[in-house]
Protein backbone atom coordinates (compact mmCIF):
# COMPACT_ATOMS: atom_id res chain seq x y z
CA UNK A 1 0.00 0.00 0.00
CA UNK A 2 1.35 3.43 -0.95
CA UNK A 3 0.24 6.92 0.07
CA UNK A 4 -0.10 7.98 -3.56
CA UNK A 5 -2.74 5.28 -4.08
CA UNK A 6 -5.19 7.08 -1.74
CA UNK A 7 -8.11 8.10 -3.94
CA UNK A 8 -11.12 8.79 -1.72
CA UNK A 9 -12.47 9.44 1.75
CA UNK A 10 -15.64 7.55 2.62
CA UNK A 11 -18.32 9.05 4.83
CA UNK A 12 -21.34 6.99 5.94
CA UNK A 13 -24.43 9.16 6.36
CA UNK A 14 -27.98 8.71 7.60
CA UNK A 15 -29.59 10.56 4.67
CA UNK A 16 -27.70 10.40 1.38
CA UNK A 17 -29.82 12.95 -0.49
CA UNK A 18 -29.77 15.55 2.28
CA UNK A 19 -26.00 15.16 2.73
CA UNK A 20 -25.40 15.53 -1.01
CA UNK A 21 -27.50 18.70 -1.03
CA UNK A 22 -25.60 20.08 1.97
CA UNK A 23 -22.17 19.48 0.38
CA UNK A 24 -23.40 21.03 -2.88
CA UNK A 25 -24.75 24.13 -1.11
CA UNK A 26 -21.80 24.60 1.26
CA UNK A 27 -18.85 23.57 -0.92
CA UNK A 28 -20.15 23.42 -4.51
CA UNK A 29 -19.84 19.65 -4.92
CA UNK A 30 -21.29 17.85 -7.91
CA UNK A 31 -22.12 14.16 -7.79
CA UNK A 32 -21.99 11.02 -9.89
CA UNK A 33 -25.08 8.93 -10.43
CA UNK A 34 -26.23 7.28 -7.21
CA UNK A 35 -25.58 3.53 -7.37
CA UNK A 36 -27.70 0.99 -5.51
CA UNK A 37 -26.49 -2.61 -5.45
CA UNK A 38 -26.97 -5.78 -3.42
CA UNK A 39 -23.33 -6.52 -2.51
CA UNK A 40 -22.29 -10.02 -1.47
CA UNK A 41 -19.53 -9.75 1.10
CA UNK A 42 -17.65 -12.03 3.47
CA UNK A 43 -17.17 -11.25 7.15
CA UNK A 44 -15.43 -13.27 9.85
CA UNK A 45 -18.95 -14.44 10.80
CA UNK A 46 -19.83 -15.57 7.26
CA UNK A 47 -21.32 -14.39 3.97
CA UNK A 48 -23.81 -11.51 3.95
CA UNK A 49 -25.69 -9.54 1.31
CA UNK A 50 -25.60 -5.80 1.91
CA UNK A 51 -27.96 -3.28 0.28
CA UNK A 52 -25.48 -0.56 -0.69
CA UNK A 53 -26.45 2.95 -1.84
CA UNK A 54 -23.53 5.25 -2.64
CA UNK A 55 -22.25 8.19 -4.65
CA UNK A 56 -18.90 9.86 -5.41
CA UNK A 57 -18.12 13.54 -5.69
CA UNK A 58 -17.48 14.76 -9.21
CA UNK A 59 -13.99 16.15 -8.63
CA UNK A 60 -10.82 15.43 -6.70
CA UNK A 61 -10.27 15.06 -3.84
CA UNK A 62 -13.05 12.47 -4.03
CA UNK A 63 -15.64 12.00 -1.33
CA UNK A 64 -17.63 8.78 -1.27
CA UNK A 65 -20.95 9.04 0.54
CA UNK A 66 -22.61 5.78 1.62
CA UNK A 67 -26.10 5.35 3.04
CA UNK A 68 -26.18 3.81 6.53
CA UNK A 69 -26.85 0.05 6.58
CA UNK A 70 -28.00 -0.84 10.13
CA UNK A 71 -26.42 -3.93 11.67
CA UNK A 72 -23.26 -3.68 9.52
CA UNK A 73 -19.98 -1.75 9.64
CA UNK A 74 -21.64 0.87 7.41
CA UNK A 75 -22.78 3.15 10.20
CA UNK A 76 -21.58 6.71 10.77
CA UNK A 77 -18.21 7.02 12.49
CA UNK A 78 -17.73 9.30 15.49
CA UNK A 79 -15.06 11.19 13.56
CA UNK A 80 -17.27 11.55 10.48
CA UNK A 81 -14.75 9.66 8.34
CA UNK A 82 -15.79 6.05 7.90
CA UNK A 83 -12.77 4.92 5.85
CA UNK A 84 -10.00 5.96 3.51
CA UNK A 85 -9.78 4.07 0.25
CA UNK A 86 -6.64 2.95 -1.55
CA UNK A 87 -6.17 1.41 -4.98
CA UNK A 88 -4.49 -1.97 -4.68
CA UNK A 89 -2.70 -4.01 -7.32
CA UNK A 90 -3.04 -7.07 -5.06
CA UNK A 91 -5.81 -6.81 -2.47
CA UNK A 92 -4.93 -10.19 -0.94
CA UNK A 93 -1.26 -9.22 -0.37
CA UNK A 94 -2.08 -5.72 0.86
CA UNK A 95 -4.70 -7.12 3.23
CA UNK A 96 -2.14 -9.60 4.59
CA UNK A 97 0.26 -6.69 5.18
CA UNK A 98 -2.43 -4.73 7.06
CA UNK A 99 -3.29 -7.79 9.17
CA UNK A 100 0.39 -8.35 9.99
CA UNK A 101 0.48 -4.70 11.11
CA UNK A 102 -2.30 -5.30 13.63
CA UNK A 103 -5.43 -4.45 11.65
CA UNK A 104 -8.35 -6.88 11.61
CA UNK A 105 -10.30 -7.90 8.53
CA UNK A 106 -13.88 -6.67 8.80
CA UNK A 107 -15.33 -7.53 5.41
CA UNK A 108 -14.21 -8.46 1.90
CA UNK A 109 -15.83 -9.12 -1.45
CA UNK A 110 -14.77 -11.42 -4.28
CA UNK A 111 -15.19 -10.99 -8.01
CA UNK A 112 -18.52 -12.66 -8.89
CA UNK A 113 -16.85 -14.31 -11.92
CA UNK A 114 -15.78 -17.22 -9.69
CA UNK A 115 -12.04 -16.46 -10.06
CA UNK A 116 -11.59 -16.10 -6.30
CA UNK A 117 -10.02 -12.67 -6.80
CA UNK A 118 -10.69 -10.11 -4.09
CA UNK A 119 -12.30 -6.91 -5.39
CA UNK A 120 -12.21 -4.98 -2.12
CA UNK A 121 -11.69 -5.37 1.61
CA UNK A 122 -12.01 -3.33 4.80
CA UNK A 123 -9.61 -3.61 7.73
CA UNK A 124 -9.58 -1.71 11.04
CA UNK A 125 -7.13 -1.44 13.89
CA UNK A 126 -7.48 -0.35 17.50
CA UNK A 127 -6.69 3.22 16.44
CA UNK A 128 -6.68 5.15 13.21
CA UNK A 129 -9.18 5.04 10.41
CA UNK A 130 -10.62 2.00 8.69
CA UNK A 131 -8.74 1.17 5.48
CA UNK A 132 -10.50 0.10 2.28
CA UNK A 133 -8.43 -1.67 -0.37
CA UNK A 134 -9.95 -1.58 -3.87
CA UNK A 135 -8.61 -3.65 -6.74
CA UNK A 136 -7.21 -1.64 -9.64
CA UNK A 137 -9.32 -3.95 -11.80
CA UNK A 138 -12.27 -1.83 -10.62
CA UNK A 139 -10.65 1.45 -11.69
CA UNK A 140 -12.19 1.54 -15.22
CA UNK A 141 -15.70 1.01 -13.81
CA UNK A 142 -15.19 3.58 -11.06
CA UNK A 143 -13.65 6.07 -13.52
CA UNK A 144 -16.70 5.65 -15.75
CA UNK A 145 -18.93 6.21 -12.71
CA UNK A 146 -17.02 9.41 -11.93
CA UNK A 147 -17.69 10.60 -15.49
CA UNK A 148 -21.43 10.65 -14.71
CA UNK A 149 -20.94 13.69 -12.46
CA UNK A 150 -22.40 16.91 -13.79
CA UNK A 151 -19.24 19.04 -13.57
CA UNK A 152 -19.38 22.70 -14.62
C-alpha atoms as a PDB file:
ATOM      1  CA  UNK A   1       0.000   0.000   0.000  1.00  0.00           C
ATOM      2  CA  UNK A   2       1.354   3.426  -0.953  1.00  0.00           C
ATOM      3  CA  UNK A   3       0.244   6.916   0.073  1.00  0.00           C
ATOM      4  CA  UNK A   4      -0.100   7.981  -3.563  1.00  0.00           C
ATOM      5  CA  UNK A   5      -2.744   5.279  -4.078  1.00  0.00           C
ATOM      6  CA  UNK A   6      -5.191   7.075  -1.737  1.00  0.00           C
ATOM      7  CA  UNK A   7      -8.110   8.099  -3.937  1.00  0.00           C
ATOM      8  CA  UNK A   8     -11.117   8.790  -1.719  1.00  0.00           C
ATOM      9  CA  UNK A   9     -12.467   9.444   1.754  1.00  0.00           C
ATOM     10  CA  UNK A  10     -15.637   7.549   2.617  1.00  0.00           C
ATOM     11  CA  UNK A  11     -18.321   9.046   4.834  1.00  0.00           C
ATOM     12  CA  UNK A  12     -21.336   6.986   5.942  1.00  0.00           C
ATOM     13  CA  UNK A  13     -24.431   9.162   6.363  1.00  0.00           C
ATOM     14  CA  UNK A  14     -27.976   8.710   7.605  1.00  0.00           C
ATOM     15  CA  UNK A  15     -29.587  10.563   4.672  1.00  0.00           C
ATOM     16  CA  UNK A  16     -27.696  10.398   1.384  1.00  0.00           C
ATOM     17  CA  UNK A  17     -29.825  12.951  -0.490  1.00  0.00           C
ATOM     18  CA  UNK A  18     -29.770  15.550   2.278  1.00  0.00           C
ATOM     19  CA  UNK A  19     -26.002  15.157   2.733  1.00  0.00           C
ATOM     20  CA  UNK A  20     -25.402  15.533  -1.010  1.00  0.00           C
ATOM     21  CA  UNK A  21     -27.505  18.705  -1.032  1.00  0.00           C
ATOM     22  CA  UNK A  22     -25.603  20.076   1.974  1.00  0.00           C
ATOM     23  CA  UNK A  23     -22.165  19.479   0.382  1.00  0.00           C
ATOM     24  CA  UNK A  24     -23.404  21.034  -2.880  1.00  0.00           C
ATOM     25  CA  UNK A  25     -24.745  24.129  -1.109  1.00  0.00           C
ATOM     26  CA  UNK A  26     -21.803  24.605   1.257  1.00  0.00           C
ATOM     27  CA  UNK A  27     -18.853  23.567  -0.923  1.00  0.00           C
ATOM     28  CA  UNK A  28     -20.153  23.418  -4.510  1.00  0.00           C
ATOM     29  CA  UNK A  29     -19.840  19.653  -4.921  1.00  0.00           C
ATOM     30  CA  UNK A  30     -21.291  17.851  -7.910  1.00  0.00           C
ATOM     31  CA  UNK A  31     -22.119  14.157  -7.793  1.00  0.00           C
ATOM     32  CA  UNK A  32     -21.993  11.020  -9.890  1.00  0.00           C
ATOM     33  CA  UNK A  33     -25.084   8.926 -10.433  1.00  0.00           C
ATOM     34  CA  UNK A  34     -26.226   7.276  -7.207  1.00  0.00           C
ATOM     35  CA  UNK A  35     -25.580   3.532  -7.366  1.00  0.00           C
ATOM     36  CA  UNK A  36     -27.704   0.994  -5.507  1.00  0.00           C
ATOM     37  CA  UNK A  37     -26.491  -2.605  -5.448  1.00  0.00           C
ATOM     38  CA  UNK A  38     -26.970  -5.779  -3.424  1.00  0.00           C
ATOM     39  CA  UNK A  39     -23.332  -6.523  -2.507  1.00  0.00           C
ATOM     40  CA  UNK A  40     -22.288 -10.022  -1.474  1.00  0.00           C
ATOM     41  CA  UNK A  41     -19.532  -9.753   1.105  1.00  0.00           C
ATOM     42  CA  UNK A  42     -17.650 -12.028   3.471  1.00  0.00           C
ATOM     43  CA  UNK A  43     -17.171 -11.247   7.154  1.00  0.00           C
ATOM     44  CA  UNK A  44     -15.429 -13.265   9.847  1.00  0.00           C
ATOM     45  CA  UNK A  45     -18.955 -14.444  10.805  1.00  0.00           C
ATOM     46  CA  UNK A  46     -19.833 -15.568   7.264  1.00  0.00           C
ATOM     47  CA  UNK A  47     -21.320 -14.387   3.975  1.00  0.00           C
ATOM     48  CA  UNK A  48     -23.810 -11.514   3.947  1.00  0.00           C
ATOM     49  CA  UNK A  49     -25.691  -9.538   1.311  1.00  0.00           C
ATOM     50  CA  UNK A  50     -25.597  -5.803   1.910  1.00  0.00           C
ATOM     51  CA  UNK A  51     -27.958  -3.284   0.285  1.00  0.00           C
ATOM     52  CA  UNK A  52     -25.484  -0.557  -0.695  1.00  0.00           C
ATOM     53  CA  UNK A  53     -26.453   2.951  -1.843  1.00  0.00           C
ATOM     54  CA  UNK A  54     -23.534   5.254  -2.638  1.00  0.00           C
ATOM     55  CA  UNK A  55     -22.248   8.189  -4.650  1.00  0.00           C
ATOM     56  CA  UNK A  56     -18.899   9.855  -5.411  1.00  0.00           C
ATOM     57  CA  UNK A  57     -18.124  13.543  -5.692  1.00  0.00           C
ATOM     58  CA  UNK A  58     -17.481  14.755  -9.214  1.00  0.00           C
ATOM     59  CA  UNK A  59     -13.994  16.149  -8.631  1.00  0.00           C
ATOM     60  CA  UNK A  60     -10.816  15.430  -6.704  1.00  0.00           C
ATOM     61  CA  UNK A  61     -10.267  15.055  -3.845  1.00  0.00           C
ATOM     62  CA  UNK A  62     -13.047  12.474  -4.029  1.00  0.00           C
ATOM     63  CA  UNK A  63     -15.639  11.999  -1.330  1.00  0.00           C
ATOM     64  CA  UNK A  64     -17.630   8.784  -1.272  1.00  0.00           C
ATOM     65  CA  UNK A  65     -20.954   9.044   0.541  1.00  0.00           C
ATOM     66  CA  UNK A  66     -22.612   5.780   1.617  1.00  0.00           C
ATOM     67  CA  UNK A  67     -26.098   5.346   3.042  1.00  0.00           C
ATOM     68  CA  UNK A  68     -26.182   3.812   6.529  1.00  0.00           C
ATOM     69  CA  UNK A  69     -26.852   0.050   6.583  1.00  0.00           C
ATOM     70  CA  UNK A  70     -27.999  -0.841  10.130  1.00  0.00           C
ATOM     71  CA  UNK A  71     -26.417  -3.928  11.667  1.00  0.00           C
ATOM     72  CA  UNK A  72     -23.255  -3.681   9.517  1.00  0.00           C
ATOM     73  CA  UNK A  73     -19.980  -1.754   9.636  1.00  0.00           C
ATOM     74  CA  UNK A  74     -21.640   0.870   7.407  1.00  0.00           C
ATOM     75  CA  UNK A  75     -22.778   3.149  10.202  1.00  0.00           C
ATOM     76  CA  UNK A  76     -21.579   6.712  10.767  1.00  0.00           C
ATOM     77  CA  UNK A  77     -18.208   7.019  12.493  1.00  0.00           C
ATOM     78  CA  UNK A  78     -17.735   9.297  15.488  1.00  0.00           C
ATOM     79  CA  UNK A  79     -15.064  11.195  13.561  1.00  0.00           C
ATOM     80  CA  UNK A  80     -17.270  11.550  10.484  1.00  0.00           C
ATOM     81  CA  UNK A  81     -14.745   9.665   8.343  1.00  0.00           C
ATOM     82  CA  UNK A  82     -15.787   6.050   7.901  1.00  0.00           C
ATOM     83  CA  UNK A  83     -12.775   4.923   5.851  1.00  0.00           C
ATOM     84  CA  UNK A  84     -10.002   5.960   3.515  1.00  0.00           C
ATOM     85  CA  UNK A  85      -9.783   4.069   0.251  1.00  0.00           C
ATOM     86  CA  UNK A  86      -6.643   2.950  -1.546  1.00  0.00           C
ATOM     87  CA  UNK A  87      -6.167   1.410  -4.982  1.00  0.00           C
ATOM     88  CA  UNK A  88      -4.491  -1.968  -4.678  1.00  0.00           C
ATOM     89  CA  UNK A  89      -2.705  -4.010  -7.316  1.00  0.00           C
ATOM     90  CA  UNK A  90      -3.042  -7.066  -5.058  1.00  0.00           C
ATOM     91  CA  UNK A  91      -5.813  -6.807  -2.468  1.00  0.00           C
ATOM     92  CA  UNK A  92      -4.932 -10.186  -0.939  1.00  0.00           C
ATOM     93  CA  UNK A  93      -1.262  -9.224  -0.371  1.00  0.00           C
ATOM     94  CA  UNK A  94      -2.076  -5.717   0.863  1.00  0.00           C
ATOM     95  CA  UNK A  95      -4.702  -7.117   3.232  1.00  0.00           C
ATOM     96  CA  UNK A  96      -2.139  -9.603   4.587  1.00  0.00           C
ATOM     97  CA  UNK A  97       0.259  -6.695   5.184  1.00  0.00           C
ATOM     98  CA  UNK A  98      -2.430  -4.732   7.056  1.00  0.00           C
ATOM     99  CA  UNK A  99      -3.288  -7.786   9.165  1.00  0.00           C
ATOM    100  CA  UNK A 100       0.389  -8.354   9.987  1.00  0.00           C
ATOM    101  CA  UNK A 101       0.485  -4.698  11.105  1.00  0.00           C
ATOM    102  CA  UNK A 102      -2.295  -5.297  13.627  1.00  0.00           C
ATOM    103  CA  UNK A 103      -5.427  -4.448  11.653  1.00  0.00           C
ATOM    104  CA  UNK A 104      -8.347  -6.880  11.613  1.00  0.00           C
ATOM    105  CA  UNK A 105     -10.296  -7.897   8.526  1.00  0.00           C
ATOM    106  CA  UNK A 106     -13.885  -6.675   8.799  1.00  0.00           C
ATOM    107  CA  UNK A 107     -15.332  -7.534   5.407  1.00  0.00           C
ATOM    108  CA  UNK A 108     -14.206  -8.464   1.898  1.00  0.00           C
ATOM    109  CA  UNK A 109     -15.829  -9.124  -1.446  1.00  0.00           C
ATOM    110  CA  UNK A 110     -14.775 -11.418  -4.278  1.00  0.00           C
ATOM    111  CA  UNK A 111     -15.185 -10.991  -8.006  1.00  0.00           C
ATOM    112  CA  UNK A 112     -18.517 -12.656  -8.892  1.00  0.00           C
ATOM    113  CA  UNK A 113     -16.854 -14.306 -11.915  1.00  0.00           C
ATOM    114  CA  UNK A 114     -15.781 -17.219  -9.694  1.00  0.00           C
ATOM    115  CA  UNK A 115     -12.044 -16.464 -10.056  1.00  0.00           C
ATOM    116  CA  UNK A 116     -11.593 -16.100  -6.296  1.00  0.00           C
ATOM    117  CA  UNK A 117     -10.017 -12.665  -6.800  1.00  0.00           C
ATOM    118  CA  UNK A 118     -10.685 -10.112  -4.087  1.00  0.00           C
ATOM    119  CA  UNK A 119     -12.295  -6.905  -5.393  1.00  0.00           C
ATOM    120  CA  UNK A 120     -12.209  -4.980  -2.124  1.00  0.00           C
ATOM    121  CA  UNK A 121     -11.689  -5.372   1.609  1.00  0.00           C
ATOM    122  CA  UNK A 122     -12.006  -3.327   4.798  1.00  0.00           C
ATOM    123  CA  UNK A 123      -9.606  -3.609   7.733  1.00  0.00           C
ATOM    124  CA  UNK A 124      -9.580  -1.712  11.038  1.00  0.00           C
ATOM    125  CA  UNK A 125      -7.129  -1.439  13.886  1.00  0.00           C
ATOM    126  CA  UNK A 126      -7.480  -0.347  17.497  1.00  0.00           C
ATOM    127  CA  UNK A 127      -6.695   3.220  16.443  1.00  0.00           C
ATOM    128  CA  UNK A 128      -6.676   5.147  13.214  1.00  0.00           C
ATOM    129  CA  UNK A 129      -9.182   5.041  10.407  1.00  0.00           C
ATOM    130  CA  UNK A 130     -10.616   2.004   8.690  1.00  0.00           C
ATOM    131  CA  UNK A 131      -8.735   1.165   5.476  1.00  0.00           C
ATOM    132  CA  UNK A 132     -10.499   0.103   2.275  1.00  0.00           C
ATOM    133  CA  UNK A 133      -8.431  -1.668  -0.369  1.00  0.00           C
ATOM    134  CA  UNK A 134      -9.950  -1.581  -3.865  1.00  0.00           C
ATOM    135  CA  UNK A 135      -8.609  -3.647  -6.740  1.00  0.00           C
ATOM    136  CA  UNK A 136      -7.211  -1.640  -9.637  1.00  0.00           C
ATOM    137  CA  UNK A 137      -9.316  -3.951 -11.805  1.00  0.00           C
ATOM    138  CA  UNK A 138     -12.266  -1.832 -10.625  1.00  0.00           C
ATOM    139  CA  UNK A 139     -10.650   1.450 -11.689  1.00  0.00           C
ATOM    140  CA  UNK A 140     -12.190   1.538 -15.223  1.00  0.00           C
ATOM    141  CA  UNK A 141     -15.696   1.013 -13.809  1.00  0.00           C
ATOM    142  CA  UNK A 142     -15.190   3.580 -11.058  1.00  0.00           C
ATOM    143  CA  UNK A 143     -13.651   6.070 -13.519  1.00  0.00           C
ATOM    144  CA  UNK A 144     -16.704   5.651 -15.751  1.00  0.00           C
ATOM    145  CA  UNK A 145     -18.932   6.209 -12.711  1.00  0.00           C
ATOM    146  CA  UNK A 146     -17.019   9.407 -11.931  1.00  0.00           C
ATOM    147  CA  UNK A 147     -17.691  10.598 -15.486  1.00  0.00           C
ATOM    148  CA  UNK A 148     -21.434  10.652 -14.713  1.00  0.00           C
ATOM    149  CA  UNK A 149     -20.944  13.686 -12.464  1.00  0.00           C
ATOM    150  CA  UNK A 150     -22.396  16.914 -13.785  1.00  0.00           C
ATOM    151  CA  UNK A 151     -19.238  19.044 -13.572  1.00  0.00           C
ATOM    152  CA  UNK A 152     -19.381  22.697 -14.616  1.00  0.00           C
END
